Amino acid sequence: MKTLLPDKGESFEEGAVGFMAGLPRGLGKCELSGGGKDLDIRYSRIQDPDFTWETVQRNVSKPGNIPISLGEAGGYIGGGSVELFVDCPYEKGRKDLLRVVVGIGGVPKIEDSAMKANISGLAADVARAVARDVVGCEGAADLPDGAPKIG
């Protein structure tokens, strides 16, 4: 995160909003700020049966979005944020997806390659932590370490 927020300027602040780790819907939001910049980290378990990997692929394919992949997980960099999706099956055969979004406030489009790598890496770290330790997605242990492949 240090590479995403300025090291000088306004003091660092953080807060959690609506964090409900133990529930099947698994919602969470963390807001960070430092140096006058905001960083927004959110996750949710998508339970809508109509939201599938095909939906994710349609979003990845939209003009301006850049695909990312982390093992079987995938998503995209679009505008000022990264969206990463992880298979997160739930009881009774549901094929939920875990959605992780990391965004930088005030940045309409992430164009710097180092920033793309840093924000994608943070999204991967959040996805691993939430999938393994918060929501408990099956197969979460299979998410590889390291940053996602971009492009």
Protein backbone atom coordinates (compact mmCIF):
# COMPACT_ATOMS: atom_id res chain seq x y z
CA MET A 1 0.00 0.00 0.00
CA LYS A 2 2.88 2.33 0.65
CA THR A 3 3.52 2.59 -3.08
CA LEU A 4 -0.09 3.62 -3.71
CA LEU A 5 -0.36 6.47 -1.19
CA PRO A 6 1.96 9.49 -1.01
CA ASP A 7 4.45 9.43 1.87
CA LYS A 8 4.04 13.17 2.50
CA GLY A 9 0.98 15.32 3.05
CA GLU A 10 -2.09 14.68 5.14
CA SER A 11 -1.85 12.08 7.90
CA PHE A 12 -2.78 8.43 7.38
CA GLU A 13 -6.31 7.34 8.29
CA GLU A 14 -8.16 4.06 7.99
CA GLY A 15 -11.64 2.77 8.65
CA ALA A 16 -13.77 -0.31 8.13
CA VAL A 17 -17.33 0.03 6.92
CA GLY A 18 -19.90 -2.76 6.98
CA PHE A 19 -17.40 -5.52 7.71
CA MET A 20 -19.38 -8.78 8.12
CA ALA A 21 -16.81 -11.52 7.77
CA GLY A 22 -18.73 -14.47 9.17
CA LEU A 23 -21.84 -14.14 7.02
CA PRO A 24 -22.35 -16.14 3.82
CA ARG A 25 -22.69 -12.93 1.82
CA GLY A 26 -19.26 -11.84 3.11
CA LEU A 27 -19.21 -8.08 2.71
CA GLY A 28 -16.39 -5.78 3.66
CA LYS A 29 -15.01 -2.35 2.92
CA CYS A 30 -11.85 -0.64 4.09
CA GLU A 31 -11.05 2.98 3.39
CA LEU A 32 -7.50 4.29 3.70
CA SER A 33 -6.12 7.73 3.09
CA GLY A 34 -2.73 9.34 3.25
CA GLY A 35 -1.06 12.34 1.70
CA GLY A 36 -4.42 13.59 0.48
CA LYS A 37 -5.12 10.44 -1.57
CA ASP A 38 -7.80 7.81 -0.87
CA LEU A 39 -7.58 4.06 -1.30
CA ASP A 40 -10.79 2.01 -1.27
CA ILE A 41 -10.71 -1.77 -0.72
CA ARG A 42 -13.95 -3.75 -0.98
CA TYR A 43 -14.97 -7.35 -1.26
CA SER A 44 -18.26 -9.17 -1.64
CA ARG A 45 -19.46 -12.68 -2.30
CA ILE A 46 -21.65 -12.53 -5.40
CA GLN A 47 -24.58 -14.90 -4.95
CA ASP A 48 -26.52 -13.96 -8.07
CA PRO A 49 -26.68 -17.13 -10.23
CA ASP A 50 -26.81 -14.92 -13.34
CA PHE A 51 -23.43 -13.35 -12.51
CA THR A 52 -20.96 -15.89 -13.88
CA TRP A 53 -17.48 -16.05 -15.36
CA GLU A 54 -19.14 -15.10 -18.67
CA THR A 55 -20.26 -11.85 -17.02
CA VAL A 56 -16.72 -11.23 -15.80
CA GLN A 57 -15.34 -11.90 -19.29
CA ARG A 58 -17.79 -9.42 -20.83
CA ASN A 59 -16.53 -6.78 -18.38
CA VAL A 60 -12.89 -7.69 -19.07
CA SER A 61 -13.56 -7.23 -22.80
CA LYS A 62 -15.00 -3.73 -22.50
CA PRO A 63 -12.93 -1.02 -24.23
CA GLY A 64 -10.24 0.41 -21.98
CA ASN A 65 -10.18 -2.52 -19.54
CA ILE A 66 -6.94 -4.47 -19.15
CA PRO A 67 -7.23 -8.17 -18.22
CA ILE A 68 -5.45 -9.58 -15.17
CA SER A 69 -5.10 -13.19 -14.03
CA LEU A 70 -3.97 -14.90 -10.85
CA GLY A 71 -4.05 -18.64 -11.36
CA GLU A 72 -7.73 -19.50 -11.85
CA ALA A 73 -8.79 -16.03 -10.65
CA GLY A 74 -9.24 -13.21 -13.09
CA GLY A 75 -10.46 -9.70 -13.60
CA TYR A 76 -9.38 -6.38 -15.00
CA ILE A 77 -7.93 -2.95 -14.46
CA GLY A 78 -10.51 -0.38 -15.50
CA GLY A 79 -10.63 3.32 -14.78
CA GLY A 80 -9.13 4.01 -11.37
CA SER A 81 -9.60 0.52 -9.94
CA VAL A 82 -8.88 -3.19 -10.19
CA GLU A 83 -11.55 -5.88 -9.97
CA LEU A 84 -10.44 -9.44 -9.25
CA PHE A 85 -12.82 -12.42 -9.10
CA VAL A 86 -12.20 -15.76 -7.39
CA ASP A 87 -14.30 -18.93 -7.52
CA CYS A 88 -15.99 -19.23 -4.14
CA PRO A 89 -18.43 -22.17 -4.16
CA TYR A 90 -20.93 -22.22 -1.34
CA GLU A 91 -22.96 -25.02 0.18
CA LYS A 92 -25.79 -26.59 -1.80
CA GLY A 93 -23.87 -26.42 -5.06
CA ARG A 94 -23.93 -22.66 -5.48
CA LYS A 95 -21.13 -21.31 -7.65
CA ASP A 96 -20.57 -17.94 -6.02
CA LEU A 97 -17.75 -15.59 -6.98
CA LEU A 98 -15.70 -13.52 -4.58
CA ARG A 99 -15.25 -9.99 -5.95
CA VAL A 100 -12.37 -7.82 -4.72
CA VAL A 101 -12.16 -4.18 -5.79
CA VAL A 102 -9.24 -1.89 -5.04
CA GLY A 103 -9.60 1.70 -6.19
CA ILE A 104 -7.67 4.93 -5.95
CA GLY A 105 -9.78 8.02 -5.34
CA GLY A 106 -9.37 10.89 -7.76
CA VAL A 107 -7.65 8.76 -10.39
CA PRO A 108 -9.89 8.51 -13.47
CA LYS A 109 -7.60 6.01 -15.20
CA ILE A 110 -4.56 4.07 -14.04
CA GLU A 111 -2.00 4.57 -16.79
CA ASP A 112 1.36 4.18 -15.05
CA SER A 113 2.67 0.59 -15.39
CA ALA A 114 4.16 0.61 -11.87
CA MET A 115 0.81 1.76 -10.44
CA LYS A 116 -0.98 -0.99 -12.39
CA ALA A 117 1.39 -3.58 -10.93
CA ASN A 118 1.11 -2.20 -7.39
CA ILE A 119 -2.67 -1.94 -7.29
CA SER A 120 -3.08 -5.37 -8.92
CA GLY A 121 -0.67 -6.83 -6.37
CA LEU A 122 -2.71 -5.34 -3.53
CA ALA A 123 -5.92 -6.76 -5.04
CA ALA A 124 -4.25 -10.19 -5.16
CA ASP A 125 -3.15 -9.91 -1.52
CA VAL A 126 -6.67 -8.94 -0.47
CA ALA A 127 -8.21 -11.75 -2.54
CA ARG A 128 -5.92 -14.36 -0.98
CA ALA A 129 -6.55 -13.11 2.56
CA VAL A 130 -10.32 -12.83 2.18
CA ALA A 131 -10.74 -16.10 0.25
CA ARG A 132 -8.59 -18.06 2.71
CA ASP A 133 -9.11 -16.42 6.08
CA VAL A 134 -12.37 -14.47 6.01
CA VAL A 135 -14.88 -16.09 3.66
CA GLY A 136 -13.22 -19.52 3.40
CA CYS A 137 -13.64 -20.18 -0.32
CA GLU A 138 -12.96 -23.74 -1.43
CA GLY A 139 -9.79 -23.83 -3.50
CA ALA A 140 -8.48 -20.59 -1.98
CA ALA A 141 -5.24 -22.35 -1.10
CA ASP A 142 -4.68 -22.80 -4.85
CA LEU A 143 -4.40 -19.04 -5.43
CA PRO A 144 -0.75 -18.49 -6.28
CA ASP A 145 1.46 -16.09 -4.37
CA GLY A 146 2.68 -12.95 -6.06
CA ALA A 147 1.08 -10.36 -8.29
CA PRO A 148 -1.40 -11.08 -11.07
CA LYS A 149 -0.34 -11.28 -14.70
CA ILE A 150 -1.35 -8.08 -16.46
CA GLY A 151 -2.46 -8.13 -20.09
